[in-house]
Amino acid sequence: MADNYLERKYEAYMERKAAAEKARRAAWKKRMDAYRKKLAGQDGSDSVK
């Protein structure tokens, strides 16, 4: 009985861990896409000075 309890707790922990990692990666990708878009918009504007 204790083994089943521990297994369920561990599986729940691993699911939460995987969900957190997925959210972290999605947030990083969103920030990187915004940064790339910002760089693309600045291509020639700084060299004209």
C-alpha atoms as a PDB file:
ATOM      1  CA  MET A   1       0.000   0.000   0.000  1.00  0.00           C
ATOM      2  CA  ALA A   2       2.779   2.440   0.810  1.00  0.00           C
ATOM      3  CA  ASP A   3       4.481   1.659  -2.492  1.00  0.00           C
ATOM      4  CA  ASN A   4       1.387   2.652  -4.478  1.00  0.00           C
ATOM      5  CA  TYR A   5       1.108   5.876  -2.496  1.00  0.00           C
ATOM      6  CA  LEU A   6       4.742   6.752  -3.109  1.00  0.00           C
ATOM      7  CA  GLU A   7       4.480   5.851  -6.789  1.00  0.00           C
ATOM      8  CA  ARG A   8       1.444   8.105  -7.240  1.00  0.00           C
ATOM      9  CA  LYS A   9       3.170  10.951  -5.422  1.00  0.00           C
ATOM     10  CA  TYR A  10       6.295  10.534  -7.533  1.00  0.00           C
ATOM     11  CA  GLU A  11       4.297  10.386 -10.778  1.00  0.00           C
ATOM     12  CA  ALA A  12       2.390  13.531  -9.788  1.00  0.00           C
ATOM     13  CA  TYR A  13       5.703  15.229  -8.982  1.00  0.00           C
ATOM     14  CA  MET A  14       7.162  14.260 -12.352  1.00  0.00           C
ATOM     15  CA  GLU A  15       4.050  15.551 -14.162  1.00  0.00           C
ATOM     16  CA  ARG A  16       4.295  18.893 -12.347  1.00  0.00           C
ATOM     17  CA  LYS A  17       8.005  19.049 -13.098  1.00  0.00           C
ATOM     18  CA  ALA A  18       7.423  18.354 -16.804  1.00  0.00           C
ATOM     19  CA  ALA A  19       4.647  20.961 -16.981  1.00  0.00           C
ATOM     20  CA  ALA A  20       6.884  23.554 -15.340  1.00  0.00           C
ATOM     21  CA  GLU A  21       9.712  22.770 -17.755  1.00  0.00           C
ATOM     22  CA  LYS A  22       7.353  23.052 -20.730  1.00  0.00           C
ATOM     23  CA  ALA A  23       6.081  26.420 -19.476  1.00  0.00           C
ATOM     24  CA  ARG A  24       9.647  27.633 -18.923  1.00  0.00           C
ATOM     25  CA  ARG A  25      10.651  26.641 -22.447  1.00  0.00           C
ATOM     26  CA  ALA A  26       7.552  28.292 -23.940  1.00  0.00           C
ATOM     27  CA  ALA A  27       8.275  31.522 -22.075  1.00  0.00           C
ATOM     28  CA  TRP A  28      11.894  31.471 -23.260  1.00  0.00           C
ATOM     29  CA  LYS A  29      10.792  30.880 -26.852  1.00  0.00           C
ATOM     30  CA  LYS A  30       8.330  33.762 -26.622  1.00  0.00           C
ATOM     31  CA  ARG A  31      11.037  36.110 -25.313  1.00  0.00           C
ATOM     32  CA  MET A  32      13.499  34.950 -27.993  1.00  0.00           C
ATOM     33  CA  ASP A  33      10.944  35.471 -30.774  1.00  0.00           C
ATOM     34  CA  ALA A  34      10.240  38.994 -29.485  1.00  0.00           C
ATOM     35  CA  TYR A  35      13.977  39.710 -29.371  1.00  0.00           C
ATOM     36  CA  ARG A  36      14.490  38.441 -32.929  1.00  0.00           C
ATOM     37  CA  LYS A  37      11.580  40.581 -34.113  1.00  0.00           C
ATOM     38  CA  LYS A  38      13.098  43.606 -32.372  1.00  0.00           C
ATOM     39  CA  LEU A  39      16.467  42.961 -34.031  1.00  0.00           C
ATOM     40  CA  ALA A  40      14.845  42.559 -37.435  1.00  0.00           C
ATOM     41  CA  GLY A  41      13.197  45.954 -37.021  1.00  0.00           C
ATOM     42  CA  GLN A  42      16.532  47.606 -36.217  1.00  0.00           C
ATOM     43  CA  ASP A  43      18.449  46.298 -39.237  1.00  0.00           C
ATOM     44  CA  GLY A  44      19.500  49.533 -40.947  1.00  0.00           C
ATOM     45  CA  SER A  45      18.233  52.258 -38.666  1.00  0.00           C
ATOM     46  CA  ASP A  46      21.346  52.495 -36.468  1.00  0.00           C
ATOM     47  CA  SER A  47      23.916  52.667 -39.282  1.00  0.00           C
ATOM     48  CA  VAL A  48      22.299  55.734 -40.954  1.00  0.00           C
ATOM     49  CA  LYS A  49      23.453  58.189 -38.250  1.00  0.00           C
END
